[in-house]
C-alpha atoms as a PDB file:
ATOM      1  CA  MET A   1     -34.409   4.410 -33.805  1.00  0.00           C
ATOM      2  CA  LYS A   2     -31.377   6.729 -34.022  1.00  0.00           C
ATOM      3  CA  LYS A   3     -31.581   7.440 -30.292  1.00  0.00           C
ATOM      4  CA  TYR A   4     -31.697   3.698 -29.596  1.00  0.00           C
ATOM      5  CA  LEU A   5     -28.624   3.047 -31.740  1.00  0.00           C
ATOM      6  CA  LEU A   6     -26.762   5.926 -30.109  1.00  0.00           C
ATOM      7  CA  LEU A   7     -27.576   4.543 -26.654  1.00  0.00           C
ATOM      8  CA  LEU A   8     -26.292   1.110 -27.690  1.00  0.00           C
ATOM      9  CA  PHE A   9     -23.077   2.681 -28.992  1.00  0.00           C
ATOM     10  CA  VAL A  10     -22.488   4.580 -25.726  1.00  0.00           C
ATOM     11  CA  LEU A  11     -23.170   1.458 -23.643  1.00  0.00           C
ATOM     12  CA  ALA A  12     -20.844  -0.633 -25.821  1.00  0.00           C
ATOM     13  CA  LEU A  13     -18.098   1.972 -25.500  1.00  0.00           C
ATOM     14  CA  ALA A  14     -18.523   2.113 -21.741  1.00  0.00           C
ATOM     15  CA  PHE A  15     -18.444  -1.696 -21.522  1.00  0.00           C
ATOM     16  CA  SER A  16     -15.301  -1.780 -23.656  1.00  0.00           C
ATOM     17  CA  TYR A  17     -13.508   0.617 -21.297  1.00  0.00           C
ATOM     18  CA  THR A  18     -14.671  -1.312 -18.227  1.00  0.00           C
ATOM     19  CA  ALA A  19     -13.791  -4.732 -19.610  1.00  0.00           C
ATOM     20  CA  HIS A  20     -10.221  -3.764 -20.454  1.00  0.00           C
ATOM     21  CA  SER A  21      -9.530  -1.459 -17.514  1.00  0.00           C
ATOM     22  CA  LYS A  22      -7.241  -2.257 -14.606  1.00  0.00           C
ATOM     23  CA  GLU A  23      -7.649  -0.496 -11.279  1.00  0.00           C
ATOM     24  CA  LEU A  24      -4.296   0.540  -9.886  1.00  0.00           C
ATOM     25  CA  GLU A  25      -3.138   1.987  -6.587  1.00  0.00           C
ATOM     26  CA  ILE A  26      -0.184   4.197  -5.730  1.00  0.00           C
ATOM     27  CA  VAL A  27       2.607   2.325  -3.961  1.00  0.00           C
ATOM     28  CA  ALA A  28       3.281   4.865  -1.225  1.00  0.00           C
ATOM     29  CA  GLU A  29       6.509   3.171  -0.080  1.00  0.00           C
ATOM     30  CA  HIS A  30       8.139   3.991  -3.429  1.00  0.00           C
ATOM     31  CA  SER A  31       6.305   7.190  -4.382  1.00  0.00           C
ATOM     32  CA  HIS A  32       6.734  10.826  -3.385  1.00  0.00           C
ATOM     33  CA  ILE A  33       4.351  13.804  -3.208  1.00  0.00           C
ATOM     34  CA  ALA A  34       6.211  17.063  -2.613  1.00  0.00           C
ATOM     35  CA  PHE A  35       5.879  20.838  -2.976  1.00  0.00           C
ATOM     36  CA  ASP A  36       8.021  23.953  -2.833  1.00  0.00           C
ATOM     37  CA  VAL A  37       7.410  27.693  -2.538  1.00  0.00           C
ATOM     38  CA  ASP A  38       9.666  30.737  -2.913  1.00  0.00           C
ATOM     39  CA  TYR A  39      11.116  32.150   0.311  1.00  0.00           C
ATOM     40  CA  MET A  40      12.532  35.692   0.759  1.00  0.00           C
ATOM     41  CA  LEU A  41      12.783  35.947  -3.076  1.00  0.00           C
ATOM     42  CA  MET A  42      16.155  34.211  -2.832  1.00  0.00           C
ATOM     43  CA  THR A  43      15.533  30.536  -2.089  1.00  0.00           C
ATOM     44  CA  LYS A  44      12.636  28.159  -1.491  1.00  0.00           C
ATOM     45  CA  VAL A  45      11.048  26.038   1.208  1.00  0.00           C
ATOM     46  CA  GLU A  46      10.504  22.399   0.293  1.00  0.00           C
ATOM     47  CA  GLY A  47       8.110  19.937   1.851  1.00  0.00           C
ATOM     48  CA  GLN A  48       6.398  16.627   1.380  1.00  0.00           C
ATOM     49  CA  PHE A  49       3.362  14.671   2.532  1.00  0.00           C
ATOM     50  CA  LYS A  50       4.088  11.373   4.226  1.00  0.00           C
ATOM     51  CA  LYS A  51       0.569   9.916   4.104  1.00  0.00           C
ATOM     52  CA  TYR A  52      -1.606   9.634   1.021  1.00  0.00           C
ATOM     53  CA  THR A  53      -3.570   7.179  -1.078  1.00  0.00           C
ATOM     54  CA  GLY A  54      -4.192   7.099  -4.793  1.00  0.00           C
ATOM     55  CA  LEU A  55      -6.374   5.060  -7.132  1.00  0.00           C
ATOM     56  CA  PHE A  56      -6.940   5.207 -10.864  1.00  0.00           C
ATOM     57  CA  GLU A  57      -8.049   3.068 -13.769  1.00  0.00           C
ATOM     58  CA  MET A  58      -5.948   2.276 -16.795  1.00  0.00           C
ATOM     59  CA  ASN A  59      -7.403   0.990 -20.025  1.00  0.00           C
ATOM     60  CA  THR A  60      -4.488  -1.093 -21.268  1.00  0.00           C
ATOM     61  CA  PRO A  61      -5.432  -1.668 -24.930  1.00  0.00           C
ATOM     62  CA  GLU A  62      -6.065   2.056 -25.389  1.00  0.00           C
ATOM     63  CA  ASP A  63      -3.449   3.249 -22.870  1.00  0.00           C
ATOM     64  CA  THR A  64      -5.799   5.743 -21.254  1.00  0.00           C
ATOM     65  CA  LEU A  65      -6.152   6.987 -17.685  1.00  0.00           C
ATOM     66  CA  LEU A  66      -9.562   7.196 -16.028  1.00  0.00           C
ATOM     67  CA  ASN A  67     -10.966   8.171 -12.638  1.00  0.00           C
ATOM     68  CA  VAL A  68      -7.781   9.390 -10.961  1.00  0.00           C
ATOM     69  CA  ARG A  69      -8.306   9.950  -7.219  1.00  0.00           C
ATOM     70  CA  VAL A  70      -5.606  11.094  -4.814  1.00  0.00           C
ATOM     71  CA  ALA A  71      -6.242  11.819  -1.123  1.00  0.00           C
ATOM     72  CA  ILE A  72      -3.478  13.460   0.928  1.00  0.00           C
ATOM     73  CA  THR A  73      -3.484  13.638   4.731  1.00  0.00           C
ATOM     74  CA  GLY A  74      -2.762  17.295   5.487  1.00  0.00           C
ATOM     75  CA  ASN A  75      -1.506  16.483   8.969  1.00  0.00           C
ATOM     76  CA  SER A  76       1.379  14.513   7.433  1.00  0.00           C
ATOM     77  CA  VAL A  77       3.080  17.622   6.022  1.00  0.00           C
ATOM     78  CA  ASP A  78       6.831  17.601   6.626  1.00  0.00           C
ATOM     79  CA  THR A  79       9.196  20.495   5.851  1.00  0.00           C
ATOM     80  CA  ASN A  80      11.975  19.281   8.137  1.00  0.00           C
ATOM     81  CA  ASP A  81      11.040  21.871  10.777  1.00  0.00           C
ATOM     82  CA  GLY A  82       8.529  21.018  13.520  1.00  0.00           C
ATOM     83  CA  LYS A  83       7.486  24.614  14.291  1.00  0.00           C
ATOM     84  CA  ARG A  84       6.913  25.414  10.621  1.00  0.00           C
ATOM     85  CA  ASP A  85       4.924  22.197  10.164  1.00  0.00           C
ATOM     86  CA  PHE A  86       2.768  23.141  13.169  1.00  0.00           C
ATOM     87  CA  HIS A  87       2.074  26.509  11.518  1.00  0.00           C
ATOM     88  CA  LEU A  88       1.206  24.857   8.197  1.00  0.00           C
ATOM     89  CA  ARG A  89      -1.294  22.532   9.878  1.00  0.00           C
ATOM     90  CA  GLY A  90      -3.052  25.487  11.492  1.00  0.00           C
ATOM     91  CA  GLN A  91      -5.855  27.812  10.426  1.00  0.00           C
ATOM     92  CA  GLU A  92      -3.624  30.135   8.363  1.00  0.00           C
ATOM     93  CA  PHE A  93      -2.649  27.330   6.002  1.00  0.00           C
ATOM     94  CA  PHE A  94      -4.030  23.769   5.648  1.00  0.00           C
ATOM     95  CA  PHE A  95      -6.432  24.076   8.629  1.00  0.00           C
ATOM     96  CA  VAL A  96      -6.343  20.309   9.131  1.00  0.00           C
ATOM     97  CA  ALA A  97      -8.680  20.431  12.138  1.00  0.00           C
ATOM     98  CA  ASN A  98     -11.552  21.298   9.778  1.00  0.00           C
ATOM     99  CA  TYR A  99     -10.178  19.977   6.470  1.00  0.00           C
ATOM    100  CA  PRO A 100      -8.054  16.877   7.148  1.00  0.00           C
ATOM    101  CA  GLU A 101      -7.639  15.880   3.484  1.00  0.00           C
ATOM    102  CA  ILE A 102      -6.392  17.481   0.281  1.00  0.00           C
ATOM    103  CA  THR A 103      -7.880  15.718  -2.735  1.00  0.00           C
ATOM    104  CA  PHE A 104      -7.310  15.662  -6.482  1.00  0.00           C
ATOM    105  CA  ARG A 105      -9.713  14.081  -8.954  1.00  0.00           C
ATOM    106  CA  ALA A 106      -9.531  13.691 -12.721  1.00  0.00           C
ATOM    107  CA  LYS A 107     -12.154  11.844 -14.751  1.00  0.00           C
ATOM    108  CA  GLY A 108     -10.475  11.310 -18.123  1.00  0.00           C
ATOM    109  CA  PRO A 109     -10.095   9.422 -20.327  1.00  0.00           C
ATOM    110  CA  VAL A 110      -6.606  10.811 -20.967  1.00  0.00           C
ATOM    111  CA  LYS A 111      -4.475   9.234 -23.669  1.00  0.00           C
ATOM    112  CA  ILE A 112      -0.961   8.231 -22.591  1.00  0.00           C
ATOM    113  CA  ALA A 113       2.047   6.498 -24.155  1.00  0.00           C
ATOM    114  CA  ALA A 114       5.321   5.258 -22.670  1.00  0.00           C
ATOM    115  CA  ASN A 115       8.059   7.920 -22.533  1.00  0.00           C
ATOM    116  CA  GLU A 116       5.586  10.606 -23.606  1.00  0.00           C
ATOM    117  CA  LYS A 117       4.175  13.714 -21.924  1.00  0.00           C
ATOM    118  CA  PHE A 118       0.455  14.222 -21.306  1.00  0.00           C
ATOM    119  CA  LYS A 119      -1.931  16.682 -19.643  1.00  0.00           C
ATOM    120  CA  LEU A 120      -4.153  15.581 -16.763  1.00  0.00           C
ATOM    121  CA  PRO A 121      -6.968  18.086 -16.155  1.00  0.00           C
ATOM    122  CA  GLY A 122      -8.760  17.684 -12.855  1.00  0.00           C
ATOM    123  CA  GLU A 123      -9.947  19.385  -9.704  1.00  0.00           C
ATOM    124  CA  ILE A 124      -8.093  19.951  -6.433  1.00  0.00           C
ATOM    125  CA  THR A 125      -9.925  20.515  -3.149  1.00  0.00           C
ATOM    126  CA  LEU A 126      -8.007  22.263  -0.379  1.00  0.00           C
ATOM    127  CA  ARG A 127      -9.518  23.812   2.772  1.00  0.00           C
ATOM    128  CA  GLY A 128     -12.928  22.850   1.367  1.00  0.00           C
ATOM    129  CA  ILE A 129     -12.373  24.971  -1.767  1.00  0.00           C
ATOM    130  CA  SER A 130     -12.352  23.250  -5.159  1.00  0.00           C
ATOM    131  CA  LYS A 131     -10.453  24.670  -8.134  1.00  0.00           C
ATOM    132  CA  PRO A 132      -9.447  23.332 -11.563  1.00  0.00           C
ATOM    133  CA  LEU A 133      -5.876  22.056 -11.752  1.00  0.00           C
ATOM    134  CA  VAL A 134      -4.062  20.726 -14.801  1.00  0.00           C
ATOM    135  CA  LEU A 135      -1.070  18.506 -14.068  1.00  0.00           C
ATOM    136  CA  ASP A 136       1.747  17.982 -16.553  1.00  0.00           C
ATOM    137  CA  GLY A 137       2.364  14.264 -16.716  1.00  0.00           C
ATOM    138  CA  PHE A 138       5.043  11.962 -18.045  1.00  0.00           C
ATOM    139  CA  TYR A 139       4.385   8.239 -18.363  1.00  0.00           C
ATOM    140  CA  LYS A 140       7.673   6.387 -17.945  1.00  0.00           C
ATOM    141  CA  GLY A 141       6.111   3.055 -18.864  1.00  0.00           C
ATOM    142  CA  LYS A 142       5.635  -0.272 -17.125  1.00  0.00           C
ATOM    143  CA  THR A 143       7.995  -3.012 -16.029  1.00  0.00           C
ATOM    144  CA  LYS A 144       7.936  -6.211 -13.986  1.00  0.00           C
ATOM    145  CA  ASP A 145       9.772  -6.327 -10.682  1.00  0.00           C
ATOM    146  CA  PRO A 146      11.890  -9.331  -9.586  1.00  0.00           C
ATOM    147  CA  TRP A 147       8.743 -10.923  -8.115  1.00  0.00           C
ATOM    148  CA  GLY A 148       6.833 -10.872 -11.418  1.00  0.00           C
ATOM    149  CA  LYS A 149       4.474  -8.004 -10.548  1.00  0.00           C
ATOM    150  CA  GLU A 150       3.611  -5.285 -13.085  1.00  0.00           C
ATOM    151  CA  ASN A 151       4.602  -1.726 -12.099  1.00  0.00           C
ATOM    152  CA  TYR A 152       3.537   1.518 -13.800  1.00  0.00           C
ATOM    153  CA  PHE A 153       5.570   4.712 -13.341  1.00  0.00           C
ATOM    154  CA  PHE A 154       4.537   8.369 -13.708  1.00  0.00           C
ATOM    155  CA  THR A 155       5.736  11.861 -12.824  1.00  0.00           C
ATOM    156  CA  LEU A 156       3.255  14.715 -12.394  1.00  0.00           C
ATOM    157  CA  THR A 157       3.889  18.412 -11.831  1.00  0.00           C
ATOM    158  CA  GLY A 158       1.656  21.441 -11.424  1.00  0.00           C
ATOM    159  CA  GLU A 159       1.225  24.863  -9.852  1.00  0.00           C
ATOM    160  CA  LEU A 160      -1.447  26.543  -7.763  1.00  0.00           C
ATOM    161  CA  ASN A 161      -1.888  29.927  -6.114  1.00  0.00           C
ATOM    162  CA  ARG A 162      -2.295  29.444  -2.374  1.00  0.00           C
ATOM    163  CA  LYS A 163      -4.399  32.639  -2.125  1.00  0.00           C
ATOM    164  CA  ASP A 164      -7.109  30.906  -4.172  1.00  0.00           C
ATOM    165  CA  PHE A 165      -7.560  28.668  -1.130  1.00  0.00           C
ATOM    166  CA  GLN A 166      -7.597  31.476   1.469  1.00  0.00           C
ATOM    167  CA  MET A 167      -4.010  30.891   2.561  1.00  0.00           C
ATOM    168  CA  ILE A 168      -2.993  34.539   2.652  1.00  0.00           C
ATOM    169  CA  TRP A 169      -0.549  34.674   5.594  1.00  0.00           C
ATOM    170  CA  ASN A 170       2.674  36.562   4.839  1.00  0.00           C
ATOM    171  CA  GLN A 171       5.246  38.999   6.219  1.00  0.00           C
ATOM    172  CA  LYS A 172       6.728  42.103   4.585  1.00  0.00           C
ATOM    173  CA  MET A 173      10.486  42.415   4.224  1.00  0.00           C
ATOM    174  CA  ASP A 174      12.604  45.565   4.417  1.00  0.00           C
ATOM    175  CA  ASN A 175      13.047  45.686   0.628  1.00  0.00           C
ATOM    176  CA  GLY A 176       9.269  45.731   0.114  1.00  0.00           C
ATOM    177  CA  GLY A 177       9.002  42.105  -0.926  1.00  0.00           C
ATOM    178  CA  LEU A 178       7.074  39.347   0.829  1.00  0.00           C
ATOM    179  CA  LEU A 179       8.528  36.527   2.881  1.00  0.00           C
ATOM    180  CA  VAL A 180       6.629  33.661   1.182  1.00  0.00           C
ATOM    181  CA  GLY A 181       5.643  33.380  -2.464  1.00  0.00           C
ATOM    182  CA  ASP A 182       2.067  32.813  -3.624  1.00  0.00           C
ATOM    183  CA  ILE A 183       2.760  30.085  -6.195  1.00  0.00           C
ATOM    184  CA  VAL A 184       3.119  26.559  -4.860  1.00  0.00           C
ATOM    185  CA  ARG A 185       4.798  24.030  -7.156  1.00  0.00           C
ATOM    186  CA  ILE A 186       3.689  20.405  -6.853  1.00  0.00           C
ATOM    187  CA  THR A 187       5.751  17.350  -7.821  1.00  0.00           C
ATOM    188  CA  MET A 188       4.626  13.725  -7.738  1.00  0.00           C
ATOM    189  CA  SER A 189       6.782  10.695  -8.469  1.00  0.00           C
ATOM    190  CA  ILE A 190       4.471   7.699  -8.711  1.00  0.00           C
ATOM    191  CA  GLN A 191       4.898   3.948  -8.745  1.00  0.00           C
ATOM    192  CA  SER A 192       1.630   2.029  -9.050  1.00  0.00           C
ATOM    193  CA  GLN A 193       0.459  -1.570  -9.150  1.00  0.00           C
ATOM    194  CA  VAL A 194      -2.797  -3.380  -9.846  1.00  0.00           C
ATOM    195  CA  ILE A 195      -4.996  -3.592  -6.740  1.00  0.00           C
ATOM    196  CA  GLY A 196      -4.782  -7.066  -5.262  1.00  0.00           C
ATOM    197  CA  ASP A 197      -1.527  -7.824  -7.066  1.00  0.00           C
ATOM    198  CA  LYS A 198       0.824  -5.575  -5.118  1.00  0.00           C
ATOM    199  CA  THR A 199       4.330  -6.730  -4.233  1.00  0.00           C
ATOM    200  CA  PRO A 200       4.543  -7.113  -0.424  1.00  0.00           C
ATOM    201  CA  PHE A 201       6.814  -4.376   0.886  1.00  0.00           C
ATOM    202  CA  SER A 202       8.711  -6.837   3.079  1.00  0.00           C
ATOM    203  CA  THR A 203      10.221  -8.443  -0.038  1.00  0.00           C
ATOM    204  CA  HIS A 204      12.142  -5.213  -0.735  1.00  0.00           C
ATOM    205  CA  MET A 205      13.729  -5.044   2.687  1.00  0.00           C
ATOM    206  CA  VAL A 206      17.075  -6.247   3.980  1.00  0.00           C
ATOM    207  CA  PRO A 207      17.508  -9.087   4.729  1.00  0.00           C
ATOM    208  CA  SER A 208      16.382 -10.526   1.426  1.00  0.00           C
ATOM    209  CA  THR A 209      13.603 -13.075   1.071  1.00  0.00           C
ATOM    210  CA  LYS A 210      16.284 -15.758   1.019  1.00  0.00           C
ATOM    211  CA  GLY A 211      17.686 -14.402   4.276  1.00  0.00           C
ATOM    212  CA  ILE A 212      14.255 -14.536   5.937  1.00  0.00           C
ATOM    213  CA  VAL A 213      13.778 -18.158   4.837  1.00  0.00           C
ATOM    214  CA  GLU A 214      17.240 -19.095   6.069  1.00  0.00           C
ATOM    215  CA  ARG A 215      16.636 -17.527   9.484  1.00  0.00           C
ATOM    216  CA  LYS A 216      13.494 -19.630   9.820  1.00  0.00           C
ATOM    217  CA  GLU A 217      15.369 -22.772   8.767  1.00  0.00           C
ATOM    218  CA  LEU A 218      18.214 -21.973  11.165  1.00  0.00           C
ATOM    219  CA  LYS A 219      15.760 -21.589  14.037  1.00  0.00           C
ATOM    220  CA  GLU A 220      14.160 -24.921  13.131  1.00  0.00           C
ATOM    221  CA  GLY A 221      17.577 -26.603  12.975  1.00  0.00           C
ATOM    222  CA  LYS A 222      17.337 -27.400   9.264  1.00  0.00           C
ATOM    223  CA  ILE A 223      20.580 -25.563   8.477  1.00  0.00           C
ATOM    224  CA  LYS A 224      23.663 -24.851  10.579  1.00  0.00           C
ATOM    225  CA  LYS A 225      24.503 -21.321   9.385  1.00  0.00           C
ATOM    226  CA  LEU A 226      23.285 -18.439   7.217  1.00  0.00           C
ATOM    227  CA  SER A 227      24.706 -17.822   3.775  1.00  0.00           C
ATOM    228  CA  THR A 228      23.162 -14.400   3.035  1.00  0.00           C
ATOM    229  CA  SER A 229      23.571 -12.233   6.133  1.00  0.00           C
ATOM    230  CA  THR A 230      26.096  -9.435   6.570  1.00  0.00           C
ATOM    231  CA  ASP A 231      25.060  -8.867  10.183  1.00  0.00           C
ATOM    232  CA  PRO A 232      27.708 -10.159  12.646  1.00  0.00           C
ATOM    233  CA  LYS A 233      24.942 -10.908  15.153  1.00  0.00           C
ATOM    234  CA  ASP A 234      23.825 -13.763  12.931  1.00  0.00           C
ATOM    235  CA  TYR A 235      27.083 -15.631  13.450  1.00  0.00           C
ATOM    236  CA  PRO A 236      28.332 -17.173  16.687  1.00  0.00           C
ATOM    237  CA  ALA A 237      31.338 -15.467  18.255  1.00  0.00           C
ATOM    238  CA  LYS A 238      34.629 -17.194  17.574  1.00  0.00           C
ATOM    239  CA  LYS A 239      36.168 -18.890  20.549  1.00  0.00           C
ATOM    240  CA  GLU A 240      39.534 -17.519  21.488  1.00  0.00           C
ATOM    241  CA  GLU A 241      42.326 -20.061  21.237  1.00  0.00           C
ATOM    242  CA  PRO A 242      44.137 -20.711  24.529  1.00  0.00           C
ATOM    243  CA  LYS A 243      47.432 -18.944  24.856  1.00  0.00           C
ATOM    244  CA  LYS A 244      50.491 -21.152  24.592  1.00  0.00           C
END
């Protein structure tokens, strides 16, 4: 009887989480996944990944995170130097030919609150090697954009040792130090929205939505001129007055 009641309790708890959970996705156009590593003991090399996807669940009554999944395309690494990026994509670093994705997964639930820090324990897989990774999180809160869509904002930071993932390439310097540090610092700035209720990216672009509508109306002859554009091409050239 006790086992039966316990099973009912677990099922009810699971149903409660599912019923009140929203599945969100990272809005890549307004998010950023970056890293940096020490260089020559004096400065650092910074980089980012241009392609990635991210999904997670959020239980809104409880404000908890569940099932966080982030997949990064290793080939999209960008350190503002083509030769260095080519090296990073190769066998000595990300080895994207064999391991095209870097993934992070965290099951949760993790309790969060607006304007509060939290810890997100999970697992990162890089070059086919999986290791525990705890990210330090900060939940900035949620807000509606001008188009009435809910947006949730987070920052996440963490550190890993690249040698744990068989990325051991380095060069010795004259002073005995090494060219590249072992510790890689990760920074994520995340905007997310509910799947299926994402603000179309085109609404954020210049010209504004009003400008797009007016261009259509101008083409159809419904209006004679645009009221929103700052582009001279949208206005007919003024005719020069004849000289007297």
